[in-house]
Amino acid sequence: MNSGLYGYNSVVTGIALTLFLTGPSQWFIALVGAALAAIFSAAMVHFMRNTGIPILTFPFIILTWFMLLVSYKLKAFQLSPGLVPQDLSHWTLNISGKVNWLEGSFNGIGQIFFLDSTLAGILLFIGVFWAGWKYGLFSILGNAFALLISFVLGGEHSLIIMGLYGYNAILTCIAVSIVFKEDHNRFAPISGIIAACVTVPLSASVATWLLPYGLPALTMPFVLSTWLFLGARKVLPRL
């Protein structure tokens, strides 16, 4: 499983840096970042080997944030115009407009790979079901509960439609319910759904914290919620 995490962290780091950086050095930086992600992942596995907690996508998140922040001090790193620091004192919550539930449902899984496309979301859901019906089921449940909770709590409709509240919930629900569940733990599915719901306020909080820096939240809500439940399960095995 660790080798898979090395590869995933490398791939998504390269994709993220390609999307969030611009300029003549963009591709070279993305390639270097992808290589560093594998090294960082190996180091994290070593540091956390005695905890029994997986590193998940933490190396990808931290490395991407650091390399994007470098752009404020080194000219070779040029941020994409879409990443603009925002002053929280002038921030307003926009919840106008209708929610396209169908589009939001499929965009959620697409955002895992930075894909803002309904067709891409459909294909990814098919791929997840192909890997195993349980993965497909809990990806749908995690996404559905995240959409519902974010709407009930008054989340921005544009973010709900874009799937920005869904992708962390999908990853969390699968991780807590299936991948890292304890053997014969019949409550794991319920824990996974609750953990998916927890990603909604975490997503809102992390995104707000990062606004002054112009950084994306990436999969940090997924990491925080999954670590929270897997760590608690060490003390509360029936969780």
Protein backbone atom coordinates (compact mmCIF):
# COMPACT_ATOMS: atom_id res chain seq x y z
CA MET A 1 0.00 0.00 0.00
CA ASN A 2 2.91 2.35 0.75
CA SER A 3 4.25 2.02 -2.81
CA GLY A 4 0.83 3.01 -4.10
CA LEU A 5 0.86 6.10 -1.88
CA TYR A 6 4.30 7.05 -3.19
CA GLY A 7 2.99 6.90 -6.74
CA TYR A 8 -0.27 8.72 -6.00
CA ASN A 9 1.47 11.53 -4.10
CA SER A 10 3.98 11.93 -6.93
CA VAL A 11 1.31 12.01 -9.63
CA VAL A 12 -1.04 14.48 -7.93
CA THR A 13 1.87 16.71 -6.90
CA GLY A 14 2.99 16.92 -10.52
CA ILE A 15 -0.56 17.62 -11.70
CA ALA A 16 -1.16 20.27 -9.02
CA LEU A 17 2.08 22.13 -9.75
CA THR A 18 1.31 22.05 -13.47
CA LEU A 19 -2.12 23.57 -12.82
CA PHE A 20 -1.19 26.10 -10.15
CA LEU A 21 2.09 27.36 -11.60
CA THR A 22 2.85 29.07 -14.87
CA GLY A 23 5.88 30.40 -16.70
CA PRO A 24 8.77 28.79 -18.59
CA SER A 25 9.90 26.68 -15.61
CA GLN A 26 6.44 25.24 -14.94
CA TRP A 27 7.01 21.74 -16.33
CA PHE A 28 10.49 21.35 -14.87
CA ILE A 29 9.26 22.38 -11.40
CA ALA A 30 6.34 19.95 -11.69
CA LEU A 31 8.68 17.07 -12.54
CA VAL A 32 11.04 17.91 -9.68
CA GLY A 33 8.06 18.25 -7.33
CA ALA A 34 6.75 14.83 -8.36
CA ALA A 35 10.14 13.25 -7.60
CA LEU A 36 10.40 15.04 -4.26
CA ALA A 37 6.90 13.84 -3.35
CA ALA A 38 8.06 10.21 -3.53
CA ILE A 39 11.05 10.99 -1.29
CA PHE A 40 8.89 12.94 1.16
CA SER A 41 6.37 10.08 1.23
CA ALA A 42 9.11 7.58 2.10
CA ALA A 43 10.35 9.83 4.90
CA MET A 44 6.82 10.22 6.28
CA VAL A 45 6.30 6.45 6.26
CA HIS A 46 9.49 6.12 8.31
CA PHE A 47 8.47 8.80 10.82
CA MET A 48 4.95 7.39 11.27
CA ARG A 49 5.79 3.69 11.15
CA ASN A 50 5.14 3.19 14.89
CA THR A 51 1.81 5.01 14.94
CA GLY A 52 -0.11 2.62 12.70
CA ILE A 53 -1.57 5.67 10.94
CA PRO A 54 -1.16 5.94 7.14
CA ILE A 55 0.49 9.00 5.63
CA LEU A 56 -2.33 9.38 3.09
CA THR A 57 -1.84 12.45 0.87
CA PHE A 58 -0.09 14.60 3.49
CA PRO A 59 3.25 14.71 1.57
CA PHE A 60 1.48 15.92 -1.59
CA ILE A 61 -0.35 18.66 0.32
CA ILE A 62 2.60 20.07 2.25
CA LEU A 63 5.02 19.87 -0.68
CA THR A 64 2.54 21.57 -3.03
CA TRP A 65 1.84 24.36 -0.53
CA PHE A 66 5.55 24.97 0.05
CA MET A 67 6.37 25.07 -3.66
CA LEU A 68 3.52 27.48 -4.35
CA LEU A 69 4.59 29.79 -1.52
CA VAL A 70 8.12 29.86 -2.94
CA SER A 71 6.70 31.98 -5.78
CA TYR A 72 6.58 35.01 -3.47
CA LYS A 73 10.37 34.93 -3.06
CA LEU A 74 11.79 33.22 -6.16
CA LYS A 75 11.01 34.52 -9.64
CA ALA A 76 11.33 31.12 -11.33
CA PHE A 77 8.17 30.05 -9.51
CA GLN A 78 5.21 31.91 -11.02
CA LEU A 79 1.73 31.42 -9.58
CA SER A 80 -1.26 30.87 -11.81
CA PRO A 81 -3.55 33.96 -11.96
CA GLY A 82 -6.32 31.84 -10.42
CA LEU A 83 -4.52 31.72 -7.07
CA VAL A 84 -5.10 35.17 -5.63
CA PRO A 85 -4.65 36.00 -1.91
CA GLN A 86 -7.85 37.43 -0.44
CA ASP A 87 -8.43 39.68 2.54
CA LEU A 88 -10.77 37.99 5.03
CA SER A 89 -12.04 41.34 6.28
CA HIS A 90 -13.63 41.91 2.87
CA TRP A 91 -14.82 38.35 2.33
CA THR A 92 -18.53 37.81 1.69
CA LEU A 93 -20.39 34.50 1.60
CA ASN A 94 -22.34 34.09 -1.63
CA ILE A 95 -25.10 31.49 -1.42
CA SER A 96 -27.25 32.81 -4.25
CA GLY A 97 -28.41 30.73 -7.18
CA LYS A 98 -29.70 27.20 -7.50
CA VAL A 99 -27.73 24.03 -6.83
CA ASN A 100 -27.31 21.63 -9.72
CA TRP A 101 -27.30 18.42 -7.69
CA LEU A 102 -26.48 16.15 -10.61
CA GLU A 103 -23.48 18.21 -11.68
CA GLY A 104 -22.29 18.58 -8.10
CA SER A 105 -22.51 14.82 -7.57
CA PHE A 106 -20.22 13.95 -10.47
CA ASN A 107 -17.87 16.90 -10.03
CA GLY A 108 -17.04 15.73 -6.51
CA ILE A 109 -15.14 12.64 -7.59
CA GLY A 110 -13.60 14.48 -10.55
CA GLN A 111 -11.99 17.03 -8.23
CA ILE A 112 -9.82 14.25 -6.74
CA PHE A 113 -7.79 14.55 -9.95
CA PHE A 114 -8.54 18.27 -10.50
CA LEU A 115 -11.12 17.45 -13.18
CA ASP A 116 -14.06 19.84 -13.43
CA SER A 117 -16.17 17.77 -15.81
CA THR A 118 -19.38 15.80 -15.38
CA LEU A 119 -18.27 13.23 -17.96
CA ALA A 120 -14.96 12.73 -16.17
CA GLY A 121 -16.86 12.23 -12.91
CA ILE A 122 -19.09 9.58 -14.49
CA LEU A 123 -16.08 7.71 -15.85
CA LEU A 124 -14.30 7.87 -12.48
CA PHE A 125 -17.36 6.51 -10.67
CA ILE A 126 -17.46 3.64 -13.17
CA GLY A 127 -13.78 3.01 -12.52
CA VAL A 128 -14.30 2.97 -8.75
CA PHE A 129 -17.18 0.47 -9.07
CA TRP A 130 -14.99 -1.61 -11.34
CA ALA A 131 -12.38 -1.75 -8.57
CA GLY A 132 -15.02 -2.99 -6.13
CA TRP A 133 -18.68 -2.41 -5.48
CA LYS A 134 -18.00 -1.38 -1.88
CA TYR A 135 -15.66 1.36 -3.05
CA GLY A 136 -18.30 2.60 -5.45
CA LEU A 137 -21.06 2.46 -2.84
CA PHE A 138 -19.14 4.39 -0.20
CA SER A 139 -17.88 6.93 -2.71
CA ILE A 140 -21.51 7.69 -3.57
CA LEU A 141 -22.56 7.77 0.09
CA GLY A 142 -19.68 10.02 1.10
CA ASN A 143 -20.37 12.41 -1.74
CA ALA A 144 -24.14 12.47 -1.14
CA PHE A 145 -23.84 13.19 2.58
CA ALA A 146 -21.24 15.90 1.93
CA LEU A 147 -23.51 17.60 -0.60
CA LEU A 148 -26.44 17.48 1.80
CA ILE A 149 -24.50 18.69 4.85
CA SER A 150 -22.81 21.52 2.94
CA PHE A 151 -26.19 22.71 1.64
CA VAL A 152 -27.90 22.47 5.04
CA LEU A 153 -25.04 24.38 6.68
CA GLY A 154 -25.32 27.15 4.08
CA GLY A 155 -22.28 26.45 1.94
CA GLU A 156 -21.65 28.46 -1.21
CA HIS A 157 -23.70 26.95 -4.01
CA SER A 158 -20.94 27.46 -6.56
CA LEU A 159 -18.53 25.42 -4.45
CA ILE A 160 -21.12 22.67 -3.96
CA ILE A 161 -21.69 22.46 -7.72
CA MET A 162 -17.94 22.39 -8.40
CA GLY A 163 -17.63 19.39 -6.08
CA LEU A 164 -15.25 21.12 -3.68
CA TYR A 165 -17.13 19.76 -0.67
CA GLY A 166 -17.47 16.29 -2.14
CA TYR A 167 -14.05 14.98 -3.08
CA ASN A 168 -12.61 15.01 0.45
CA ALA A 169 -15.74 13.27 1.72
CA ILE A 170 -15.42 10.54 -0.93
CA LEU A 171 -11.81 9.79 -0.03
CA THR A 172 -12.57 9.85 3.69
CA CYS A 173 -15.62 7.62 3.50
CA ILE A 174 -13.71 4.98 1.51
CA ALA A 175 -10.65 5.16 3.75
CA VAL A 176 -12.45 4.93 7.10
CA SER A 177 -15.16 2.49 5.98
CA ILE A 178 -13.16 0.01 3.93
CA VAL A 179 -9.45 0.50 3.37
CA PHE A 180 -8.27 1.12 6.93
CA LYS A 181 -11.10 -0.43 8.93
CA GLU A 182 -10.36 -2.91 11.69
CA ASP A 183 -11.25 -6.55 10.97
CA HIS A 184 -14.86 -7.47 11.71
CA ASN A 185 -15.72 -3.91 12.70
CA ARG A 186 -19.39 -3.67 11.84
CA PHE A 187 -19.54 0.01 12.81
CA ALA A 188 -16.84 1.03 10.33
CA PRO A 189 -19.34 2.00 7.58
CA ILE A 190 -21.18 4.32 9.98
CA SER A 191 -17.87 5.82 11.11
CA GLY A 192 -16.94 6.37 7.47
CA ILE A 193 -20.14 8.29 6.74
CA ILE A 194 -19.73 10.43 9.88
CA ALA A 195 -16.10 11.09 8.97
CA ALA A 196 -17.21 12.15 5.49
CA CYS A 197 -19.65 14.64 7.05
CA VAL A 198 -16.85 16.02 9.24
CA THR A 199 -14.88 16.95 6.11
CA VAL A 200 -17.48 19.61 5.25
CA PRO A 201 -16.71 22.03 8.14
CA LEU A 202 -13.05 21.06 7.86
CA SER A 203 -13.07 22.02 4.17
CA ALA A 204 -14.68 25.36 4.97
CA SER A 205 -12.20 26.01 7.78
CA VAL A 206 -9.05 25.04 5.87
CA ALA A 207 -10.14 26.98 2.78
CA THR A 208 -10.75 30.08 4.92
CA TRP A 209 -7.41 29.71 6.70
CA LEU A 210 -5.64 29.60 3.33
CA LEU A 211 -7.47 32.51 1.69
CA PRO A 212 -4.87 35.15 2.69
CA TYR A 213 -2.18 33.00 1.07
CA GLY A 214 -4.10 32.19 -2.10
CA LEU A 215 -3.58 28.47 -1.58
CA PRO A 216 -6.02 25.64 -2.39
CA ALA A 217 -7.20 23.34 0.41
CA LEU A 218 -6.33 20.25 -1.67
CA THR A 219 -7.01 17.03 0.30
CA MET A 220 -6.11 18.33 3.77
CA PRO A 221 -9.70 17.93 5.08
CA PHE A 222 -9.57 14.27 4.02
CA VAL A 223 -6.26 13.76 5.84
CA LEU A 224 -7.42 15.51 9.02
CA SER A 225 -10.75 13.71 9.25
CA THR A 226 -9.26 10.29 8.42
CA TRP A 227 -6.42 10.72 10.92
CA LEU A 228 -8.96 11.82 13.53
CA PHE A 229 -11.09 8.70 13.16
CA LEU A 230 -8.26 6.22 12.66
CA GLY A 231 -6.44 7.65 15.67
CA ALA A 232 -9.56 7.50 17.81
CA ARG A 233 -10.10 3.90 16.70
CA LYS A 234 -6.81 2.97 18.41
CA VAL A 235 -8.48 3.84 21.72
CA LEU A 236 -12.08 3.12 20.76
CA PRO A 237 -11.81 -0.07 18.64
CA ARG A 238 -15.57 -0.25 18.03
CA LEU A 239 -15.55 3.18 16.33
